[in-house]
Structure formats: structure tokens, C-alpha cells
Amino acid sequence: MTKFKICGLTTCQEAEWVSEAQADYAGMVLFFPKSKRNISVTQAEKIIQALPDEIKSVAVVVSPDTDQIRQLEKAGFDLIQIHGTVLSEVVEALHVPFLRAFNVDNMQEWEIFEQEEKCAGYVFDAVKPGSGETFDWSSLPSLSEDGKPYLLAGGLNPENVGDAIRSLQPYGVDVSSGVESDQGKGKAPEKIKAFAEAVRNADKLL
């Protein structure tokens, strides 16, 4: 079964909707003020508490330092998704697994992390993460079946996620803007539900 992650949560209400959809992962953006989905560690702690144990909480960060990693682990995150630069001292400081996120222009660097035990997998995203833009899926690196799993992100929504799953059969899919309200403010419960149904329907056809 294809796993799915709802990313960019900002409220406990959204955590309830993600729980109702039985998502596998719930992502939150921290330490990145440029994002409209950026929240504080205190807000994240409340959202984590609102999630059932079976949904893994994921901190989404850009080029974090060791102090930020300590704050995220103290908050109770299950995984840390790292965009930008991954410093060796940050990897050494980690006590929870991390997901290495790659954009279209640096996807070939995944091999650097293939042997890193703390790296649980990858996230392949568009040039501008969170932009809602798709990318050419044929540009994805050819990963061996016994390698680390990956989540496909970048412009996915209830309408196209089925095509993505049937074409690539990824370990999981990752959505943020694709399940937001038409006003672009917060998540829309009906879109989260539709995304979850689209993922499960696609699995039935594999």
C-alpha cells in the first residue's frame, strides 16, 4: 500500500482531519519564516499531541543547525525532513531518523546518503518546495529496489496522485498545497479526504 503524507499542518483541527483520513505521516514546517505554513515549536508540540501514535510526525526544515535539531527532538517529532544543506554535525546530533529532501536540480546527490544509517529515505520535490508545481517525473533517479524508500512530492493533488502512483509506484506520496482551501489559507478537509481516497483507489489498480 502506498503511504501518504499530509504536509504543512498549522492547527490541531488539521491534525484531526489528517487523522480521519488515516494518513501515514503528518508534516509541519519550522524555522522557515518564508513559508506561509511556518509554525513555532510550541504550536508543533500541540499538533503532535493531537495526532494518534500511528501517524508519524515529520518536522520539515531547511539547512538546520544542531540547536534546532535538539528543539525538534524535544518537541517529540518522529522524523526530520531536511531540505537545503545537511551538515555532518547535524547528522551526528540526530537521535531520530531523517528524510533527505531533494529538488529537481540536485536529485542525483541521493547516493551520498544511501549508506547513512540515520537517513530513513528521500523526498523528491519540485524546484520550489511547497509551490504546488509538478516536475518531470522521468527526471527521478533510478533507485534500486533494495535501496531506501522515497516519497514523491511536488504539485500532487487528488486529481493527479493516482497517475503518479500508477506511473512510479513510489513508497509514498507527499501533498501540501494540493489539499489547501481554494483561498490558500489552511487545509480543506474535503480535499484531504479526496486525496486519501485517490491514493487507495490507485493502489487497487496496481
N, C-alpha and C. Protein backbone atom coordinates (compact mmCIF):
# COMPACT_ATOMS: atom_id res chain seq x y z
N MET A 1 0.83 -1.20 0.00
CA MET A 1 0.00 0.00 0.00
C MET A 1 0.87 1.26 0.00
N THR A 2 0.52 2.21 -0.83
CA THR A 2 1.27 3.47 -0.91
C THR A 2 1.02 4.31 0.33
N LYS A 3 2.08 4.72 0.98
CA LYS A 3 1.96 5.60 2.15
C LYS A 3 1.67 7.01 1.67
N PHE A 4 1.04 7.82 2.52
CA PHE A 4 0.88 9.22 2.14
C PHE A 4 1.06 10.16 3.32
N LYS A 5 1.59 11.31 2.99
CA LYS A 5 1.92 12.33 3.98
C LYS A 5 1.18 13.62 3.64
N ILE A 6 0.51 14.18 4.64
CA ILE A 6 -0.10 15.49 4.51
C ILE A 6 0.85 16.48 5.18
N CYS A 7 1.34 17.43 4.43
CA CYS A 7 2.37 18.31 4.94
C CYS A 7 1.85 19.74 5.12
N GLY A 8 2.57 20.50 5.94
CA GLY A 8 2.22 21.90 6.15
C GLY A 8 1.09 22.13 7.13
N LEU A 9 0.92 21.23 8.10
CA LEU A 9 -0.12 21.42 9.10
C LEU A 9 0.19 22.64 9.97
N THR A 10 -0.84 23.38 10.31
CA THR A 10 -0.65 24.57 11.14
C THR A 10 -1.57 24.62 12.36
N THR A 11 -2.55 23.72 12.43
CA THR A 11 -3.51 23.74 13.54
C THR A 11 -3.84 22.32 14.00
N CYS A 12 -4.37 22.22 15.22
CA CYS A 12 -4.81 20.93 15.74
C CYS A 12 -6.04 20.44 14.98
N GLN A 13 -6.85 21.35 14.47
CA GLN A 13 -8.00 20.96 13.67
C GLN A 13 -7.55 20.20 12.42
N GLU A 14 -6.49 20.69 11.80
CA GLU A 14 -5.96 20.00 10.62
C GLU A 14 -5.43 18.62 11.00
N ALA A 15 -4.87 18.50 12.20
CA ALA A 15 -4.39 17.20 12.67
C ALA A 15 -5.55 16.21 12.78
N GLU A 16 -6.71 16.68 13.19
CA GLU A 16 -7.89 15.82 13.28
C GLU A 16 -8.32 15.35 11.90
N TRP A 17 -8.28 16.24 10.92
CA TRP A 17 -8.66 15.85 9.56
C TRP A 17 -7.68 14.83 8.99
N VAL A 18 -6.41 15.03 9.28
CA VAL A 18 -5.38 14.09 8.81
C VAL A 18 -5.57 12.72 9.46
N SER A 19 -5.96 12.74 10.73
CA SER A 19 -6.22 11.51 11.46
C SER A 19 -7.42 10.78 10.86
N GLU A 20 -8.48 11.52 10.55
CA GLU A 20 -9.68 10.93 9.97
C GLU A 20 -9.38 10.29 8.61
N ALA A 21 -8.44 10.88 7.88
CA ALA A 21 -8.06 10.35 6.57
C ALA A 21 -7.10 9.17 6.68
N GLN A 22 -6.65 8.89 7.91
CA GLN A 22 -5.72 7.79 8.19
C GLN A 22 -4.43 7.92 7.38
N ALA A 23 -3.87 9.12 7.41
CA ALA A 23 -2.59 9.36 6.75
C ALA A 23 -1.49 8.60 7.50
N ASP A 24 -0.38 8.42 6.86
CA ASP A 24 0.75 7.74 7.49
C ASP A 24 1.72 8.72 8.13
N TYR A 25 1.80 9.92 7.54
CA TYR A 25 2.72 10.94 8.04
C TYR A 25 2.03 12.30 8.05
N ALA A 26 2.41 13.12 9.03
CA ALA A 26 1.91 14.50 9.12
C ALA A 26 3.11 15.42 9.23
N GLY A 27 3.25 16.34 8.27
CA GLY A 27 4.41 17.22 8.25
C GLY A 27 4.11 18.63 8.72
N MET A 28 5.10 19.24 9.36
CA MET A 28 4.99 20.62 9.83
C MET A 28 6.26 21.38 9.49
N VAL A 29 6.12 22.60 9.00
CA VAL A 29 7.27 23.43 8.61
C VAL A 29 7.71 24.29 9.79
N LEU A 30 8.98 24.23 10.11
CA LEU A 30 9.52 25.02 11.22
C LEU A 30 10.81 25.72 10.82
N PHE A 31 11.10 26.81 11.53
CA PHE A 31 12.34 27.57 11.32
C PHE A 31 12.51 28.06 9.89
N PHE A 32 11.38 28.32 9.22
CA PHE A 32 11.46 28.81 7.84
C PHE A 32 10.39 29.88 7.64
N PRO A 33 10.65 31.10 8.11
CA PRO A 33 9.67 32.18 8.08
C PRO A 33 9.15 32.54 6.69
N LYS A 34 9.90 32.18 5.63
CA LYS A 34 9.46 32.49 4.27
C LYS A 34 8.19 31.74 3.90
N SER A 35 7.94 30.63 4.57
CA SER A 35 6.77 29.81 4.26
C SER A 35 5.54 30.29 5.01
N LYS A 36 4.42 30.35 4.33
CA LYS A 36 3.16 30.72 4.98
C LYS A 36 2.70 29.62 5.93
N ARG A 37 3.31 28.44 5.83
CA ARG A 37 2.95 27.32 6.69
C ARG A 37 3.89 27.18 7.89
N ASN A 38 4.81 28.11 8.03
CA ASN A 38 5.77 28.04 9.13
C ASN A 38 5.08 28.19 10.48
N ILE A 39 5.42 27.32 11.42
CA ILE A 39 4.85 27.40 12.77
C ILE A 39 5.97 27.34 13.80
N SER A 40 5.64 27.65 15.04
CA SER A 40 6.61 27.61 16.12
C SER A 40 6.71 26.20 16.70
N VAL A 41 7.74 25.97 17.47
CA VAL A 41 7.90 24.67 18.13
C VAL A 41 6.74 24.42 19.08
N THR A 42 6.30 25.45 19.77
CA THR A 42 5.17 25.32 20.69
C THR A 42 3.91 24.88 19.97
N GLN A 43 3.64 25.50 18.81
CA GLN A 43 2.48 25.10 18.00
C GLN A 43 2.63 23.65 17.54
N ALA A 44 3.84 23.30 17.13
CA ALA A 44 4.08 21.94 16.66
C ALA A 44 3.83 20.91 17.76
N GLU A 45 4.24 21.22 18.97
CA GLU A 45 4.02 20.30 20.08
C GLU A 45 2.54 20.01 20.28
N LYS A 46 1.71 21.03 20.16
CA LYS A 46 0.26 20.85 20.32
C LYS A 46 -0.31 19.98 19.20
N ILE A 47 0.18 20.19 17.99
CA ILE A 47 -0.30 19.40 16.85
C ILE A 47 0.13 17.94 17.00
N ILE A 48 1.36 17.71 17.43
CA ILE A 48 1.85 16.35 17.65
C ILE A 48 0.97 15.63 18.67
N GLN A 49 0.61 16.34 19.74
CA GLN A 49 -0.24 15.75 20.77
C GLN A 49 -1.63 15.41 20.25
N ALA A 50 -2.07 16.12 19.21
CA ALA A 50 -3.39 15.89 18.64
C ALA A 50 -3.40 14.73 17.65
N LEU A 51 -2.21 14.25 17.27
CA LEU A 51 -2.10 13.15 16.31
C LEU A 51 -2.08 11.80 17.02
N PRO A 52 -2.73 10.79 16.45
CA PRO A 52 -2.63 9.45 17.02
C PRO A 52 -1.22 8.90 16.82
N ASP A 53 -0.85 7.94 17.65
CA ASP A 53 0.52 7.40 17.61
C ASP A 53 0.88 6.79 16.26
N GLU A 54 -0.12 6.26 15.56
CA GLU A 54 0.19 5.56 14.30
C GLU A 54 0.55 6.52 13.16
N ILE A 55 0.28 7.80 13.32
CA ILE A 55 0.67 8.79 12.31
C ILE A 55 2.00 9.40 12.72
N LYS A 56 3.01 9.22 11.90
CA LYS A 56 4.35 9.72 12.22
C LYS A 56 4.43 11.22 11.98
N SER A 57 4.91 11.94 12.97
CA SER A 57 5.08 13.39 12.83
C SER A 57 6.44 13.71 12.21
N VAL A 58 6.43 14.63 11.24
CA VAL A 58 7.64 14.96 10.49
C VAL A 58 7.90 16.46 10.56
N ALA A 59 9.06 16.85 11.05
CA ALA A 59 9.47 18.25 11.05
C ALA A 59 10.15 18.55 9.72
N VAL A 60 9.66 19.55 9.01
CA VAL A 60 10.22 19.93 7.71
C VAL A 60 11.04 21.20 7.90
N VAL A 61 12.34 21.09 7.66
CA VAL A 61 13.24 22.21 7.92
C VAL A 61 14.22 22.41 6.75
N VAL A 62 14.83 23.58 6.72
CA VAL A 62 15.80 23.92 5.68
C VAL A 62 17.14 24.24 6.33
N SER A 63 18.16 23.48 5.99
CA SER A 63 19.53 23.71 6.49
C SER A 63 19.55 23.95 8.00
N PRO A 64 19.06 23.00 8.79
CA PRO A 64 19.00 23.21 10.24
C PRO A 64 20.37 23.17 10.90
N ASP A 65 20.46 23.79 12.08
CA ASP A 65 21.68 23.67 12.88
C ASP A 65 21.39 22.71 14.05
N THR A 66 22.39 22.41 14.83
CA THR A 66 22.24 21.41 15.89
C THR A 66 21.26 21.87 16.97
N ASP A 67 21.22 23.16 17.26
CA ASP A 67 20.28 23.66 18.27
C ASP A 67 18.84 23.44 17.82
N GLN A 68 18.56 23.68 16.56
CA GLN A 68 17.22 23.46 16.03
C GLN A 68 16.85 21.98 16.07
N ILE A 69 17.81 21.13 15.77
CA ILE A 69 17.57 19.68 15.84
C ILE A 69 17.20 19.28 17.26
N ARG A 70 17.91 19.80 18.23
CA ARG A 70 17.60 19.47 19.63
C ARG A 70 16.19 19.91 20.00
N GLN A 71 15.78 21.10 19.54
CA GLN A 71 14.43 21.58 19.82
C GLN A 71 13.37 20.68 19.19
N LEU A 72 13.62 20.24 17.97
CA LEU A 72 12.66 19.39 17.27
C LEU A 72 12.53 18.03 17.95
N GLU A 73 13.64 17.47 18.37
CA GLU A 73 13.59 16.18 19.04
C GLU A 73 12.90 16.29 20.39
N LYS A 74 13.15 17.38 21.09
CA LYS A 74 12.50 17.60 22.38
C LYS A 74 10.99 17.75 22.21
N ALA A 75 10.57 18.32 21.07
CA ALA A 75 9.15 18.52 20.79
C ALA A 75 8.44 17.19 20.54
N GLY A 76 9.19 16.15 20.19
CA GLY A 76 8.61 14.83 20.02
C GLY A 76 8.42 14.36 18.60
N PHE A 77 9.07 14.99 17.64
CA PHE A 77 8.94 14.56 16.24
C PHE A 77 9.53 13.16 16.03
N ASP A 78 8.86 12.39 15.17
CA ASP A 78 9.33 11.05 14.85
C ASP A 78 10.41 11.07 13.77
N LEU A 79 10.31 12.02 12.85
CA LEU A 79 11.24 12.15 11.74
C LEU A 79 11.54 13.61 11.47
N ILE A 80 12.69 13.88 10.88
CA ILE A 80 13.03 15.24 10.47
C ILE A 80 13.36 15.22 8.98
N GLN A 81 12.64 16.01 8.23
CA GLN A 81 12.83 16.10 6.77
C GLN A 81 13.69 17.32 6.48
N ILE A 82 14.86 17.09 5.90
CA ILE A 82 15.83 18.16 5.73
C ILE A 82 15.98 18.56 4.26
N HIS A 83 15.67 19.82 3.98
CA HIS A 83 15.93 20.43 2.68
C HIS A 83 17.21 21.26 2.82
N GLY A 84 17.75 21.71 1.70
CA GLY A 84 18.92 22.57 1.77
C GLY A 84 20.18 21.80 2.11
N THR A 85 20.97 22.35 3.01
CA THR A 85 22.25 21.76 3.39
C THR A 85 22.10 20.84 4.60
N VAL A 86 22.76 19.69 4.52
CA VAL A 86 22.79 18.75 5.65
C VAL A 86 24.21 18.72 6.20
N LEU A 87 24.43 19.39 7.32
CA LEU A 87 25.76 19.44 7.91
C LEU A 87 26.09 18.14 8.62
N SER A 88 27.36 17.74 8.56
CA SER A 88 27.76 16.48 9.20
C SER A 88 27.51 16.51 10.70
N GLU A 89 27.69 17.68 11.33
CA GLU A 89 27.45 17.76 12.77
C GLU A 89 25.97 17.62 13.11
N VAL A 90 25.12 18.00 12.16
CA VAL A 90 23.68 17.83 12.36
C VAL A 90 23.32 16.35 12.33
N VAL A 91 23.88 15.62 11.37
CA VAL A 91 23.63 14.19 11.29
C VAL A 91 24.12 13.50 12.56
N GLU A 92 25.29 13.89 13.04
CA GLU A 92 25.84 13.30 14.25
C GLU A 92 24.96 13.58 15.46
N ALA A 93 24.31 14.75 15.48
CA ALA A 93 23.48 15.15 16.63
C ALA A 93 22.11 14.48 16.63
N LEU A 94 21.69 13.93 15.48
CA LEU A 94 20.35 13.36 15.37
C LEU A 94 20.18 12.08 16.19
N HIS A 95 19.05 12.02 16.90
CA HIS A 95 18.68 10.80 17.62
C HIS A 95 17.42 10.18 17.04
N VAL A 96 16.85 10.82 16.04
CA VAL A 96 15.71 10.27 15.31
C VAL A 96 16.10 10.19 13.84
N PRO A 97 15.45 9.34 13.06
CA PRO A 97 15.79 9.23 11.63
C PRO A 97 15.45 10.51 10.88
N PHE A 98 16.10 10.72 9.74
CA PHE A 98 15.77 11.87 8.92
C PHE A 98 15.49 11.45 7.48
N LEU A 99 14.69 12.27 6.82
CA LEU A 99 14.40 12.12 5.40
C LEU A 99 15.19 13.19 4.66
N ARG A 100 15.95 12.81 3.67
CA ARG A 100 16.70 13.80 2.89
C ARG A 100 15.85 14.24 1.71
N ALA A 101 15.55 15.52 1.66
CA ALA A 101 14.73 16.06 0.58
C ALA A 101 15.61 16.59 -0.54
N PHE A 102 15.23 16.26 -1.76
CA PHE A 102 15.95 16.72 -2.94
C PHE A 102 14.99 17.45 -3.87
N ASN A 103 15.49 18.52 -4.47
CA ASN A 103 14.72 19.22 -5.50
C ASN A 103 15.18 18.72 -6.87
N VAL A 104 14.48 19.11 -7.90
CA VAL A 104 14.79 18.64 -9.25
C VAL A 104 16.26 18.86 -9.61
N ASP A 105 16.82 19.97 -9.16
CA ASP A 105 18.18 20.32 -9.60
C ASP A 105 19.29 19.64 -8.80
N ASN A 106 18.96 18.85 -7.77
CA ASN A 106 20.04 18.17 -7.04
C ASN A 106 19.70 16.72 -6.71
N MET A 107 18.81 16.13 -7.49
CA MET A 107 18.36 14.77 -7.19
C MET A 107 19.45 13.72 -7.29
N GLN A 108 20.46 13.95 -8.11
CA GLN A 108 21.50 12.94 -8.27
C GLN A 108 22.38 12.79 -7.03
N GLU A 109 22.22 13.70 -6.07
CA GLU A 109 23.04 13.63 -4.86
C GLU A 109 22.53 12.61 -3.86
N TRP A 110 21.44 11.90 -4.19
CA TRP A 110 20.87 10.95 -3.25
C TRP A 110 21.86 9.87 -2.84
N GLU A 111 22.78 9.53 -3.73
CA GLU A 111 23.73 8.46 -3.43
C GLU A 111 24.61 8.77 -2.22
N ILE A 112 24.78 10.06 -1.96
CA ILE A 112 25.62 10.47 -0.82
C ILE A 112 25.04 9.93 0.48
N PHE A 113 23.72 9.80 0.54
CA PHE A 113 23.05 9.40 1.78
C PHE A 113 22.62 7.94 1.78
N GLU A 114 22.93 7.22 0.71
CA GLU A 114 22.49 5.83 0.61
C GLU A 114 23.06 4.96 1.73
N GLN A 115 24.27 5.26 2.16
CA GLN A 115 24.92 4.45 3.20
C GLN A 115 24.79 5.07 4.60
N GLU A 116 24.10 6.20 4.70
CA GLU A 116 23.94 6.84 6.01
C GLU A 116 22.80 6.16 6.77
N GLU A 117 23.14 5.52 7.88
CA GLU A 117 22.17 4.73 8.63
C GLU A 117 21.01 5.58 9.16
N LYS A 118 21.27 6.81 9.53
CA LYS A 118 20.23 7.65 10.10
C LYS A 118 19.26 8.18 9.05
N CYS A 119 19.63 8.06 7.78
CA CYS A 119 18.75 8.51 6.69
C CYS A 119 17.75 7.42 6.38
N ALA A 120 16.47 7.68 6.68
CA ALA A 120 15.42 6.67 6.52
C ALA A 120 14.88 6.61 5.10
N GLY A 121 15.15 7.65 4.31
CA GLY A 121 14.64 7.68 2.95
C GLY A 121 14.74 9.06 2.36
N TYR A 122 14.08 9.26 1.22
CA TYR A 122 14.19 10.51 0.49
C TYR A 122 12.82 11.11 0.19
N VAL A 123 12.84 12.40 -0.07
CA VAL A 123 11.67 13.10 -0.59
C VAL A 123 12.12 13.79 -1.87
N PHE A 124 11.49 13.48 -2.97
CA PHE A 124 11.82 14.10 -4.25
C PHE A 124 10.76 15.14 -4.57
N ASP A 125 11.21 16.39 -4.69
CA ASP A 125 10.29 17.52 -4.80
C ASP A 125 10.61 18.38 -6.01
N ALA A 126 9.74 19.34 -6.28
CA ALA A 126 9.93 20.28 -7.37
C ALA A 126 11.03 21.29 -7.02
N VAL A 127 11.37 22.16 -7.95
CA VAL A 127 12.42 23.15 -7.71
C VAL A 127 12.08 24.02 -6.51
N LYS A 128 10.82 24.41 -6.40
CA LYS A 128 10.36 25.24 -5.28
C LYS A 128 9.40 24.43 -4.43
N PRO A 129 9.90 23.80 -3.35
CA PRO A 129 9.03 23.00 -2.49
C PRO A 129 7.87 23.84 -1.95
N GLY A 130 6.68 23.24 -1.92
CA GLY A 130 5.52 23.94 -1.41
C GLY A 130 4.85 24.86 -2.40
N SER A 131 5.38 24.91 -3.64
CA SER A 131 4.84 25.83 -4.65
C SER A 131 3.60 25.27 -5.33
N GLY A 132 3.40 23.97 -5.19
CA GLY A 132 2.28 23.34 -5.89
C GLY A 132 2.59 23.00 -7.33
N GLU A 133 3.86 23.13 -7.71
CA GLU A 133 4.26 22.85 -9.10
C GLU A 133 4.76 21.41 -9.23
N THR A 134 4.34 20.76 -10.30
CA THR A 134 4.85 19.42 -10.58
C THR A 134 6.19 19.52 -11.30
N PHE A 135 6.81 18.37 -11.52
CA PHE A 135 8.06 18.35 -12.28
C PHE A 135 8.05 17.09 -13.15
N ASP A 136 9.01 17.01 -14.03
CA ASP A 136 9.11 15.88 -14.95
C ASP A 136 9.51 14.63 -14.17
N TRP A 137 8.57 13.71 -13.97
CA TRP A 137 8.86 12.52 -13.16
C TRP A 137 9.93 11.65 -13.78
N SER A 138 10.16 11.77 -15.07
CA SER A 138 11.21 10.96 -15.71
C SER A 138 12.60 11.39 -15.27
N SER A 139 12.69 12.55 -14.60
CA SER A 139 13.99 13.02 -14.12
C SER A 139 14.39 12.36 -12.81
N LEU A 140 13.50 11.56 -12.24
CA LEU A 140 13.83 10.88 -10.98
C LEU A 140 14.98 9.91 -11.18
N PRO A 141 15.85 9.81 -10.18
CA PRO A 141 16.95 8.85 -10.30
C PRO A 141 16.43 7.42 -10.28
N SER A 142 17.20 6.51 -10.84
CA SER A 142 16.83 5.10 -10.85
C SER A 142 17.33 4.46 -9.56
N LEU A 143 16.38 4.22 -8.65
CA LEU A 143 16.76 3.67 -7.35
C LEU A 143 16.60 2.15 -7.37
N SER A 144 17.54 1.46 -6.74
CA SER A 144 17.45 0.01 -6.67
C SER A 144 16.31 -0.38 -5.73
N GLU A 145 15.73 -1.54 -5.97
CA GLU A 145 14.59 -1.98 -5.17
C GLU A 145 14.97 -2.22 -3.71
N ASP A 146 16.24 -2.52 -3.45
CA ASP A 146 16.66 -2.76 -2.08
C ASP A 146 17.26 -1.51 -1.44
N GLY A 147 17.10 -0.37 -2.12
CA GLY A 147 17.60 0.89 -1.56
C GLY A 147 16.60 1.52 -0.61
N LYS A 148 16.85 2.74 -0.23
CA LYS A 148 15.96 3.43 0.69
C LYS A 148 14.67 3.84 -0.02
N PRO A 149 13.56 3.89 0.70
CA PRO A 149 12.28 4.29 0.09
C PRO A 149 12.24 5.79 -0.17
N TYR A 150 11.31 6.22 -1.01
CA TYR A 150 11.17 7.65 -1.24
C TYR A 150 9.71 8.07 -1.29
N LEU A 151 9.48 9.34 -0.94
CA LEU A 151 8.18 9.96 -1.06
C LEU A 151 8.23 10.91 -2.25
N LEU A 152 7.23 10.85 -3.09
CA LEU A 152 7.13 11.76 -4.23
C LEU A 152 6.32 12.98 -3.82
N ALA A 153 6.86 14.17 -4.04
CA ALA A 153 6.18 15.41 -3.71
C ALA A 153 6.19 16.32 -4.93
N GLY A 154 5.63 17.50 -4.79
CA GLY A 154 5.68 18.47 -5.87
C GLY A 154 4.44 18.51 -6.73
N GLY A 155 3.48 19.33 -6.35
CA GLY A 155 2.31 19.56 -7.18
C GLY A 155 1.28 18.45 -7.21
N LEU A 156 1.37 17.51 -6.27
CA LEU A 156 0.37 16.44 -6.23
C LEU A 156 -0.95 16.96 -5.67
N ASN A 157 -2.03 16.35 -6.11
CA ASN A 157 -3.37 16.72 -5.65
C ASN A 157 -4.29 15.52 -5.86
N PRO A 158 -5.55 15.60 -5.43
CA PRO A 158 -6.45 14.44 -5.60
C PRO A 158 -6.64 14.02 -7.05
N GLU A 159 -6.45 14.94 -7.99
CA GLU A 159 -6.68 14.64 -9.40
C GLU A 159 -5.51 13.92 -10.07
N ASN A 160 -4.28 14.19 -9.64
CA ASN A 160 -3.13 13.60 -10.35
C ASN A 160 -2.35 12.57 -9.56
N VAL A 161 -2.65 12.42 -8.27
CA VAL A 161 -1.84 11.50 -7.47
C VAL A 161 -1.99 10.05 -7.94
N GLY A 162 -3.17 9.70 -8.46
CA GLY A 162 -3.36 8.35 -8.99
C GLY A 162 -2.42 8.06 -10.14
N ASP A 163 -2.26 9.02 -11.05
CA ASP A 163 -1.35 8.86 -12.18
C ASP A 163 0.09 8.68 -11.69
N ALA A 164 0.45 9.45 -10.66
CA ALA A 164 1.81 9.37 -10.12
C ALA A 164 2.07 7.98 -9.54
N ILE A 165 1.11 7.47 -8.80
CA ILE A 165 1.28 6.15 -8.18
C ILE A 165 1.35 5.05 -9.23
N ARG A 166 0.48 5.12 -10.22
CA ARG A 166 0.49 4.08 -11.26
C ARG A 166 1.75 4.15 -12.13
N SER A 167 2.28 5.36 -12.32
CA SER A 167 3.46 5.52 -13.17
C SER A 167 4.75 5.12 -12.47
N LEU A 168 4.86 5.50 -11.19
CA LEU A 168 6.14 5.34 -10.49
C LEU A 168 6.13 4.30 -9.37
N GLN A 169 4.95 4.02 -8.85
CA GLN A 169 4.82 3.11 -7.70
C GLN A 169 5.82 3.46 -6.59
N PRO A 170 5.77 4.70 -6.12
CA PRO A 170 6.68 5.11 -5.05
C PRO A 170 6.28 4.49 -3.72
N TYR A 171 7.18 4.53 -2.77
CA TYR A 171 6.85 4.08 -1.41
C TYR A 171 5.73 4.93 -0.85
N GLY A 172 5.80 6.25 -1.14
CA GLY A 172 4.78 7.14 -0.62
C GLY A 172 4.66 8.41 -1.42
N VAL A 173 3.60 9.16 -1.15
CA VAL A 173 3.35 10.45 -1.81
C VAL A 173 3.14 11.51 -0.74
N ASP A 174 3.45 12.75 -1.10
CA ASP A 174 3.50 13.85 -0.15
C ASP A 174 2.75 15.04 -0.74
N VAL A 175 1.78 15.58 0.00
CA VAL A 175 0.98 16.69 -0.51
C VAL A 175 0.88 17.80 0.53
N SER A 176 0.85 19.04 0.04
CA SER A 176 0.65 20.19 0.92
C SER A 176 -0.35 21.15 0.29
N SER A 177 0.11 21.92 -0.70
CA SER A 177 -0.78 22.90 -1.34
C SER A 177 -1.94 22.23 -2.06
N GLY A 178 -1.76 20.98 -2.48
CA GLY A 178 -2.81 20.28 -3.22
C GLY A 178 -4.04 19.94 -2.40
N VAL A 179 -3.96 20.11 -1.08
CA VAL A 179 -5.13 19.86 -0.23
C VAL A 179 -5.49 21.10 0.59
N GLU A 180 -5.05 22.26 0.09
CA GLU A 180 -5.38 23.51 0.79
C GLU A 180 -6.70 24.06 0.27
N SER A 181 -7.29 24.95 1.05
CA SER A 181 -8.55 25.57 0.66
C SER A 181 -8.35 26.40 -0.59
N ASP A 182 -9.42 26.70 -1.28
CA ASP A 182 -9.32 27.49 -2.51
C ASP A 182 -8.76 28.88 -2.25
N GLN A 183 -8.88 29.34 -1.02
CA GLN A 183 -8.33 30.65 -0.66
C GLN A 183 -6.85 30.57 -0.29
N GLY A 184 -6.33 29.33 -0.24
CA GLY A 184 -4.92 29.16 0.09
C GLY A 184 -4.60 29.35 1.54
N LYS A 185 -5.63 29.32 2.39
CA LYS A 185 -5.42 29.52 3.83
C LYS A 185 -5.82 28.26 4.57
N GLY A 186 -4.83 27.47 4.92
CA GLY A 186 -5.10 26.26 5.66
C GLY A 186 -5.59 25.12 4.78
N LYS A 187 -5.70 23.97 5.39
CA LYS A 187 -6.11 22.77 4.68
C LYS A 187 -7.63 22.70 4.55
N ALA A 188 -8.08 21.98 3.53
CA ALA A 188 -9.51 21.76 3.30
C ALA A 188 -9.81 20.29 3.60
N PRO A 189 -10.67 19.99 4.56
CA PRO A 189 -10.93 18.60 4.93
C PRO A 189 -11.43 17.74 3.79
N GLU A 190 -12.26 18.32 2.91
CA GLU A 190 -12.78 17.53 1.81
C GLU A 190 -11.68 17.16 0.81
N LYS A 191 -10.64 18.02 0.68
CA LYS A 191 -9.53 17.72 -0.23
C LYS A 191 -8.60 16.68 0.38
N ILE A 192 -8.42 16.74 1.69
CA ILE A 192 -7.61 15.72 2.36
C ILE A 192 -8.27 14.35 2.18
N LYS A 193 -9.57 14.31 2.39
CA LYS A 193 -10.32 13.06 2.22
C LYS A 193 -10.22 12.55 0.78
N ALA A 194 -10.37 13.47 -0.18
CA ALA A 194 -10.31 13.09 -1.60
C ALA A 194 -8.92 12.56 -1.97
N PHE A 195 -7.88 13.17 -1.40
CA PHE A 195 -6.51 12.73 -1.68
C PHE A 195 -6.31 11.31 -1.15
N ALA A 196 -6.76 11.07 0.07
CA ALA A 196 -6.62 9.74 0.68
C ALA A 196 -7.36 8.69 -0.16
N GLU A 197 -8.55 9.02 -0.63
CA GLU A 197 -9.33 8.09 -1.44
C GLU A 197 -8.64 7.83 -2.78
N ALA A 198 -8.05 8.87 -3.36
CA ALA A 198 -7.36 8.72 -4.65
C ALA A 198 -6.15 7.80 -4.51
N VAL A 199 -5.43 7.92 -3.39
CA VAL A 199 -4.27 7.05 -3.15
C VAL A 199 -4.73 5.60 -3.05
N ARG A 200 -5.76 5.37 -2.28
CA ARG A 200 -6.22 3.99 -2.07
C ARG A 200 -6.82 3.39 -3.34
N ASN A 201 -7.50 4.21 -4.11
CA ASN A 201 -8.07 3.72 -5.37
C ASN A 201 -6.98 3.35 -6.36
N ALA A 202 -5.89 4.15 -6.37
CA ALA A 202 -4.78 3.86 -7.27
C ALA A 202 -4.11 2.55 -6.88
N ASP A 203 -4.00 2.30 -5.59
CA ASP A 203 -3.39 1.05 -5.12
C ASP A 203 -4.17 -0.16 -5.60
N LYS A 204 -5.48 -0.02 -5.69
CA LYS A 204 -6.32 -1.15 -6.10
C LYS A 204 -6.06 -1.55 -7.55
N LEU A 205 -5.52 -0.61 -8.33
CA LEU A 205 -5.30 -0.86 -9.75
C LEU A 205 -3.88 -1.32 -10.07
N LEU A 206 -3.05 -1.38 -9.06
CA LEU A 206 -1.66 -1.79 -9.30
C LEU A 206 -1.58 -3.32 -9.49
